[in-house]
PDB file of N, CA and C in Angstrom:
ATOM      1  N   MET A   1       9.104 -35.274  13.703  1.00  0.00           N
ATOM      2  CA  MET A   1       7.953 -34.776  12.980  1.00  0.00           C
ATOM      3  C   MET A   1       6.895 -35.870  12.885  1.00  0.00           C
ATOM      4  N   THR A   2       5.668 -35.529  13.214  1.00  0.00           N
ATOM      5  CA  THR A   2       4.593 -36.485  13.061  1.00  0.00           C
ATOM      6  C   THR A   2       4.099 -36.477  11.628  1.00  0.00           C
ATOM      7  N   ASN A   3       3.495 -37.572  11.202  1.00  0.00           N
ATOM      8  CA  ASN A   3       3.080 -37.712   9.812  1.00  0.00           C
ATOM      9  C   ASN A   3       1.980 -36.747   9.407  1.00  0.00           C
ATOM     10  N   ASN A   4       1.119 -36.362  10.339  1.00  0.00           N
ATOM     11  CA  ASN A   4       0.014 -35.474  10.006  1.00  0.00           C
ATOM     12  C   ASN A   4       0.290 -34.054  10.459  1.00  0.00           C
ATOM     13  N   SER A   5       1.400 -33.510  10.033  1.00  0.00           N
ATOM     14  CA  SER A   5       1.764 -32.153  10.421  1.00  0.00           C
ATOM     15  C   SER A   5       2.330 -31.394   9.231  1.00  0.00           C
ATOM     16  N   HIS A   6       2.208 -30.088   9.317  1.00  0.00           N
ATOM     17  CA  HIS A   6       2.841 -29.182   8.369  1.00  0.00           C
ATOM     18  C   HIS A   6       3.733 -28.246   9.165  1.00  0.00           C
ATOM     19  N   TYR A   7       4.852 -27.889   8.582  1.00  0.00           N
ATOM     20  CA  TYR A   7       5.862 -27.109   9.288  1.00  0.00           C
ATOM     21  C   TYR A   7       6.255 -25.861   8.520  1.00  0.00           C
ATOM     22  N   VAL A   8       6.514 -24.790   9.258  1.00  0.00           N
ATOM     23  CA  VAL A   8       7.131 -23.576   8.739  1.00  0.00           C
ATOM     24  C   VAL A   8       8.554 -23.617   9.279  1.00  0.00           C
ATOM     25  N   VAL A   9       9.529 -23.777   8.371  1.00  0.00           N
ATOM     26  CA  VAL A   9      10.914 -23.929   8.805  1.00  0.00           C
ATOM     27  C   VAL A   9      11.814 -22.916   8.107  1.00  0.00           C
ATOM     28  N   HIS A  10      12.846 -22.500   8.824  1.00  0.00           N
ATOM     29  CA  HIS A  10      13.821 -21.567   8.266  1.00  0.00           C
ATOM     30  C   HIS A  10      14.707 -22.306   7.278  1.00  0.00           C
ATOM     31  N   ASN A  11      14.888 -21.724   6.117  1.00  0.00           N
ATOM     32  CA  ASN A  11      15.752 -22.309   5.096  1.00  0.00           C
ATOM     33  C   ASN A  11      17.169 -21.783   5.314  1.00  0.00           C
ATOM     34  N   PRO A  12      18.168 -22.659   5.402  1.00  0.00           N
ATOM     35  CA  PRO A  12      19.535 -22.195   5.661  1.00  0.00           C
ATOM     36  C   PRO A  12      20.093 -21.283   4.568  1.00  0.00           C
ATOM     37  N   ASN A  13      19.495 -21.317   3.378  1.00  0.00           N
ATOM     38  CA  ASN A  13      19.938 -20.451   2.285  1.00  0.00           C
ATOM     39  C   ASN A  13      19.174 -19.131   2.261  1.00  0.00           C
ATOM     40  N   GLY A  14      18.320 -18.925   3.255  1.00  0.00           N
ATOM     41  CA  GLY A  14      17.526 -17.696   3.337  1.00  0.00           C
ATOM     42  C   GLY A  14      16.061 -17.975   3.085  1.00  0.00           C
ATOM     43  N   GLY A  15      15.210 -17.228   3.740  1.00  0.00           N
ATOM     44  CA  GLY A  15      13.780 -17.376   3.569  1.00  0.00           C
ATOM     45  C   GLY A  15      13.201 -18.491   4.425  1.00  0.00           C
ATOM     46  N   TRP A  16      11.979 -18.871   4.091  1.00  0.00           N
ATOM     47  CA  TRP A  16      11.207 -19.832   4.879  1.00  0.00           C
ATOM     48  C   TRP A  16      10.549 -20.846   3.965  1.00  0.00           C
ATOM     49  N   ASP A  17      10.433 -22.080   4.443  1.00  0.00           N
ATOM     50  CA  ASP A  17       9.822 -23.157   3.667  1.00  0.00           C
ATOM     51  C   ASP A  17       8.609 -23.705   4.378  1.00  0.00           C
ATOM     52  N   SER A  18       7.591 -24.020   3.585  1.00  0.00           N
ATOM     53  CA  SER A  18       6.440 -24.755   4.077  1.00  0.00           C
ATOM     54  C   SER A  18       6.690 -26.211   3.715  1.00  0.00           C
ATOM     55  N   LYS A  19       6.683 -27.082   4.733  1.00  0.00           N
ATOM     56  CA  LYS A  19       7.005 -28.492   4.495  1.00  0.00           C
ATOM     57  C   LYS A  19       5.965 -29.404   5.133  1.00  0.00           C
ATOM     58  N   ARG A  20       5.794 -30.551   4.541  1.00  0.00           N
ATOM     59  CA  ARG A  20       4.975 -31.621   5.109  1.00  0.00           C
ATOM     60  C   ARG A  20       5.887 -32.452   6.001  1.00  0.00           C
ATOM     61  N   ALA A  21       5.349 -33.021   7.047  1.00  0.00           N
ATOM     62  CA  ALA A  21       6.147 -33.871   7.932  1.00  0.00           C
ATOM     63  C   ALA A  21       6.812 -34.974   7.124  1.00  0.00           C
ATOM     64  N   ASN A  22       8.071 -35.226   7.410  1.00  0.00           N
ATOM     65  CA  ASN A  22       8.883 -36.245   6.743  1.00  0.00           C
ATOM     66  C   ASN A  22       9.095 -35.968   5.258  1.00  0.00           C
ATOM     67  N   GLY A  23       8.761 -34.781   4.808  1.00  0.00           N
ATOM     68  CA  GLY A  23       8.985 -34.416   3.411  1.00  0.00           C
ATOM     69  C   GLY A  23      10.413 -33.943   3.202  1.00  0.00           C
ATOM     70  N   GLU A  24      11.001 -34.371   2.109  1.00  0.00           N
ATOM     71  CA  GLU A  24      12.377 -33.957   1.821  1.00  0.00           C
ATOM     72  C   GLU A  24      12.437 -32.572   1.194  1.00  0.00           C
ATOM     73  N   ARG A  25      11.425 -32.247   0.395  1.00  0.00           N
ATOM     74  CA  ARG A  25      11.414 -30.956  -0.290  1.00  0.00           C
ATOM     75  C   ARG A  25      10.312 -30.068   0.266  1.00  0.00           C
ATOM     76  N   ALA A  26      10.506 -28.782   0.086  1.00  0.00           N
ATOM     77  CA  ALA A  26       9.506 -27.817   0.520  1.00  0.00           C
ATOM     78  C   ALA A  26       8.296 -27.863  -0.410  1.00  0.00           C
ATOM     79  N   ILE A  27       7.119 -27.638   0.166  1.00  0.00           N
ATOM     80  CA  ILE A  27       5.919 -27.479  -0.645  1.00  0.00           C
ATOM     81  C   ILE A  27       6.041 -26.173  -1.418  1.00  0.00           C
ATOM     82  N   LYS A  28       6.480 -25.124  -0.698  1.00  0.00           N
ATOM     83  CA  LYS A  28       6.644 -23.804  -1.301  1.00  0.00           C
ATOM     84  C   LYS A  28       7.650 -23.013  -0.476  1.00  0.00           C
ATOM     85  N   HIS A  29       8.403 -22.138  -1.126  1.00  0.00           N
ATOM     86  CA  HIS A  29       9.413 -21.301  -0.479  1.00  0.00           C
ATOM     87  C   HIS A  29       8.920 -19.855  -0.444  1.00  0.00           C
ATOM     88  N   PHE A  30       9.226 -19.159   0.652  1.00  0.00           N
ATOM     89  CA  PHE A  30       8.817 -17.765   0.826  1.00  0.00           C
ATOM     90  C   PHE A  30       9.997 -16.925   1.297  1.00  0.00           C
ATOM     91  N   ASP A  31       9.953 -15.651   0.969  1.00  0.00           N
ATOM     92  CA  ASP A  31      10.994 -14.731   1.415  1.00  0.00           C
ATOM     93  C   ASP A  31      10.792 -14.302   2.863  1.00  0.00           C
ATOM     94  N   ASN A  32       9.524 -14.271   3.318  1.00  0.00           N
ATOM     95  CA  ASN A  32       9.291 -13.863   4.704  1.00  0.00           C
ATOM     96  C   ASN A  32       8.420 -14.886   5.424  1.00  0.00           C
ATOM     97  N   GLN A  33       8.551 -14.906   6.736  1.00  0.00           N
ATOM     98  CA  GLN A  33       7.892 -15.917   7.556  1.00  0.00           C
ATOM     99  C   GLN A  33       6.376 -15.738   7.584  1.00  0.00           C
ATOM    100  N   LYS A  34       5.887 -14.516   7.598  1.00  0.00           N
ATOM    101  CA  LYS A  34       4.450 -14.282   7.679  1.00  0.00           C
ATOM    102  C   LYS A  34       3.717 -14.912   6.498  1.00  0.00           C
ATOM    103  N   ASP A  35       4.219 -14.716   5.285  1.00  0.00           N
ATOM    104  CA  ASP A  35       3.577 -15.299   4.108  1.00  0.00           C
ATOM    105  C   ASP A  35       3.603 -16.819   4.172  1.00  0.00           C
ATOM    106  N   CYS A  36       4.698 -17.378   4.672  1.00  0.00           N
ATOM    107  CA  CYS A  36       4.818 -18.823   4.802  1.00  0.00           C
ATOM    108  C   CYS A  36       3.822 -19.355   5.831  1.00  0.00           C
ATOM    109  N   ILE A  37       3.670 -18.653   6.947  1.00  0.00           N
ATOM    110  CA  ILE A  37       2.716 -19.063   7.979  1.00  0.00           C
ATOM    111  C   ILE A  37       1.289 -19.036   7.424  1.00  0.00           C
ATOM    112  N   ASP A  38       0.929 -17.962   6.723  1.00  0.00           N
ATOM    113  CA  ASP A  38      -0.424 -17.841   6.164  1.00  0.00           C
ATOM    114  C   ASP A  38      -0.724 -18.979   5.191  1.00  0.00           C
ATOM    115  N   PHE A  39       0.217 -19.286   4.310  1.00  0.00           N
ATOM    116  CA  PHE A  39       0.061 -20.367   3.336  1.00  0.00           C
ATOM    117  C   PHE A  39      -0.066 -21.722   4.033  1.00  0.00           C
ATOM    118  N   THR A  40       0.827 -21.985   4.977  1.00  0.00           N
ATOM    119  CA  THR A  40       0.845 -23.272   5.669  1.00  0.00           C
ATOM    120  C   THR A  40      -0.403 -23.444   6.526  1.00  0.00           C
ATOM    121  N   ARG A  41      -0.885 -22.377   7.128  1.00  0.00           N
ATOM    122  CA  ARG A  41      -2.104 -22.449   7.937  1.00  0.00           C
ATOM    123  C   ARG A  41      -3.299 -22.872   7.075  1.00  0.00           C
ATOM    124  N   LYS A  42      -3.417 -22.335   5.869  1.00  0.00           N
ATOM    125  CA  LYS A  42      -4.532 -22.707   4.978  1.00  0.00           C
ATOM    126  C   LYS A  42      -4.478 -24.193   4.626  1.00  0.00           C
ATOM    127  N   ILE A  43      -3.292 -24.685   4.323  1.00  0.00           N
ATOM    128  CA  ILE A  43      -3.146 -26.110   4.008  1.00  0.00           C
ATOM    129  C   ILE A  43      -3.508 -26.953   5.220  1.00  0.00           C
ATOM    130  N   SER A  44      -2.999 -26.576   6.372  1.00  0.00           N
ATOM    131  CA  SER A  44      -3.243 -27.314   7.602  1.00  0.00           C
ATOM    132  C   SER A  44      -4.731 -27.343   7.941  1.00  0.00           C
ATOM    133  N   GLN A  45      -5.413 -26.230   7.775  1.00  0.00           N
ATOM    134  CA  GLN A  45      -6.849 -26.181   8.052  1.00  0.00           C
ATOM    135  C   GLN A  45      -7.616 -27.067   7.074  1.00  0.00           C
ATOM    136  N   ASN A  46      -7.259 -27.027   5.793  1.00  0.00           N
ATOM    137  CA  ASN A  46      -7.932 -27.852   4.779  1.00  0.00           C
ATOM    138  C   ASN A  46      -7.747 -29.339   5.045  1.00  0.00           C
ATOM    139  N   GLN A  47      -6.576 -29.729   5.509  1.00  0.00           N
ATOM    140  CA  GLN A  47      -6.267 -31.144   5.691  1.00  0.00           C
ATOM    141  C   GLN A  47      -6.454 -31.611   7.131  1.00  0.00           C
ATOM    142  N   GLY A  48      -6.806 -30.708   8.038  1.00  0.00           N
ATOM    143  CA  GLY A  48      -7.034 -31.065   9.430  1.00  0.00           C
ATOM    144  C   GLY A  48      -5.793 -31.589  10.125  1.00  0.00           C
ATOM    145  N   THR A  49      -4.672 -30.904   9.912  1.00  0.00           N
ATOM    146  CA  THR A  49      -3.401 -31.338  10.496  1.00  0.00           C
ATOM    147  C   THR A  49      -2.900 -30.329  11.523  1.00  0.00           C
ATOM    148  N   GLU A  50      -1.826 -30.679  12.191  1.00  0.00           N
ATOM    149  CA  GLU A  50      -1.172 -29.762  13.117  1.00  0.00           C
ATOM    150  C   GLU A  50      -0.167 -28.928  12.336  1.00  0.00           C
ATOM    151  N   MET A  51      -0.032 -27.663  12.713  1.00  0.00           N
ATOM    152  CA  MET A  51       0.954 -26.776  12.090  1.00  0.00           C
ATOM    153  C   MET A  51       1.930 -26.336  13.168  1.00  0.00           C
ATOM    154  N   ARG A  52       3.217 -26.490  12.892  1.00  0.00           N
ATOM    155  CA  ARG A  52       4.254 -26.069  13.834  1.00  0.00           C
ATOM    156  C   ARG A  52       5.121 -25.011  13.161  1.00  0.00           C
ATOM    157  N   ILE A  53       5.492 -23.995  13.947  1.00  0.00           N
ATOM    158  CA  ILE A  53       6.270 -22.871  13.425  1.00  0.00           C
ATOM    159  C   ILE A  53       7.631 -22.842  14.097  1.00  0.00           C
ATOM    160  N   GLN A  54       8.667 -22.844  13.260  1.00  0.00           N
ATOM    161  CA  GLN A  54      10.045 -22.826  13.730  1.00  0.00           C
ATOM    162  C   GLN A  54      10.564 -21.392  13.725  1.00  0.00           C
ATOM    163  N   GLY A  55      11.295 -21.033  14.761  1.00  0.00           N
ATOM    164  CA  GLY A  55      11.924 -19.722  14.814  1.00  0.00           C
ATOM    165  C   GLY A  55      13.244 -19.726  14.058  1.00  0.00           C
ATOM    166  N   ARG A  56      13.826 -18.572  13.911  1.00  0.00           N
ATOM    167  CA  ARG A  56      15.098 -18.438  13.204  1.00  0.00           C
ATOM    168  C   ARG A  56      16.212 -19.239  13.884  1.00  0.00           C
ATOM    169  N   ASP A  57      16.070 -19.457  15.202  1.00  0.00           N
ATOM    170  CA  ASP A  57      17.083 -20.204  15.956  1.00  0.00           C
ATOM    171  C   ASP A  57      16.937 -21.724  15.813  1.00  0.00           C
ATOM    172  N   GLY A  58      15.918 -22.181  15.084  1.00  0.00           N
ATOM    173  CA  GLY A  58      15.721 -23.617  14.862  1.00  0.00           C
ATOM    174  C   GLY A  58      14.802 -24.283  15.857  1.00  0.00           C
ATOM    175  N   LYS A  59      14.415 -23.564  16.911  1.00  0.00           N
ATOM    176  CA  LYS A  59      13.501 -24.125  17.914  1.00  0.00           C
ATOM    177  C   LYS A  59      12.062 -23.837  17.504  1.00  0.00           C
ATOM    178  N   PHE A  60      11.184 -24.816  17.742  1.00  0.00           N
ATOM    179  CA  PHE A  60       9.778 -24.599  17.435  1.00  0.00           C
ATOM    180  C   PHE A  60       9.179 -23.691  18.491  1.00  0.00           C
ATOM    181  N   ARG A  61       8.531 -22.627  18.045  1.00  0.00           N
ATOM    182  CA  ARG A  61       8.039 -21.612  18.961  1.00  0.00           C
ATOM    183  C   ARG A  61       6.537 -21.665  19.168  1.00  0.00           C
ATOM    184  N   SER A  62       5.798 -22.299  18.245  1.00  0.00           N
ATOM    185  CA  SER A  62       4.356 -22.414  18.448  1.00  0.00           C
ATOM    186  C   SER A  62       3.788 -23.521  17.576  1.00  0.00           C
ATOM    187  N   ALA A  63       2.560 -23.917  17.923  1.00  0.00           N
ATOM    188  CA  ALA A  63       1.860 -24.956  17.173  1.00  0.00           C
ATOM    189  C   ALA A  63       0.374 -24.667  17.202  1.00  0.00           C
ATOM    190  N   ASP A  64      -0.299 -24.987  16.114  1.00  0.00           N
ATOM    191  CA  ASP A  64      -1.752 -24.872  16.015  1.00  0.00           C
ATOM    192  C   ASP A  64      -2.293 -26.205  15.560  1.00  0.00           C
ATOM    193  N   SER A  65      -3.330 -26.685  16.217  1.00  0.00           N
ATOM    194  CA  SER A  65      -3.946 -27.943  15.825  1.00  0.00           C
ATOM    195  C   SER A  65      -5.225 -27.642  15.057  1.00  0.00           C
ATOM    196  N   HIS A  66      -5.306 -28.158  13.837  1.00  0.00           N
ATOM    197  CA  HIS A  66      -6.490 -27.955  13.003  1.00  0.00           C
ATOM    198  C   HIS A  66      -7.221 -29.266  12.739  1.00  0.00           C
ATOM    199  N   GLY A  67      -6.913 -30.272  13.517  1.00  0.00           N
ATOM    200  CA  GLY A  67      -7.537 -31.566  13.310  1.00  0.00           C
ATOM    201  C   GLY A  67      -7.908 -32.199  14.625  1.00  0.00           C
ATOM    202  N   ASN A  68      -7.526 -33.444  14.777  1.00  0.00           N
ATOM    203  CA  ASN A  68      -7.816 -34.169  16.004  1.00  0.00           C
ATOM    204  C   ASN A  68      -6.814 -33.770  17.073  1.00  0.00           C
ATOM    205  N   ASP A  69      -7.191 -32.824  17.893  1.00  0.00           N
ATOM    206  CA  ASP A  69      -6.325 -32.317  18.944  1.00  0.00           C
ATOM    207  C   ASP A  69      -6.211 -33.362  20.052  1.00  0.00           C
ATOM    208  N   PRO A  70      -5.000 -33.843  20.355  1.00  0.00           N
ATOM    209  CA  PRO A  70      -4.855 -34.865  21.386  1.00  0.00           C
ATOM    210  C   PRO A  70      -5.135 -34.328  22.799  1.00  0.00           C
ATOM    211  N   PHE A  71      -5.118 -33.022  22.976  1.00  0.00           N
ATOM    212  CA  PHE A  71      -5.382 -32.417  24.291  1.00  0.00           C
ATOM    213  C   PHE A  71      -6.366 -31.248  24.141  1.00  0.00           C
ATOM    214  N   PRO A  72      -7.635 -31.546  23.797  1.00  0.00           N
ATOM    215  CA  PRO A  72      -8.592 -30.445  23.619  1.00  0.00           C
ATOM    216  C   PRO A  72      -8.888 -29.765  24.963  1.00  0.00           C
ATOM    217  N   PRO A  73      -9.223 -28.491  24.918  1.00  0.00           N
ATOM    218  CA  PRO A  73      -9.532 -27.790  26.170  1.00  0.00           C
ATOM    219  C   PRO A  73     -10.833 -28.297  26.776  1.00  0.00           C
ATOM    220  N   ARG A  74     -10.902 -28.271  28.095  1.00  0.00           N
ATOM    221  CA  ARG A  74     -12.138 -28.649  28.769  1.00  0.00           C
ATOM    222  C   ARG A  74     -13.145 -27.516  28.636  1.00  0.00           C
ATOM    223  N   GLY A  75     -14.383 -27.874  28.490  1.00  0.00           N
ATOM    224  CA  GLY A  75     -15.333 -26.790  28.360  1.00  0.00           C
ATOM    225  C   GLY A  75     -16.652 -27.209  28.704  1.00  0.00           C
TER     226      GLY A  75
END
């Protein structure tokens, strides 16, 4: 986990957690993934960080960059 990231992770006891990189505790716990993604996206956009979303299988399935993107698209 990079220091400037926020994560949506599956909680082994059920539900989903919004966490800061290297954080031991969840910022907030949710019963469903969609609500957790929406909450974490707002935080990530406000703080200009990367947001990564973990699937139920534990693998990260997507990421959104809301800050200094290390690989911005050419345009």
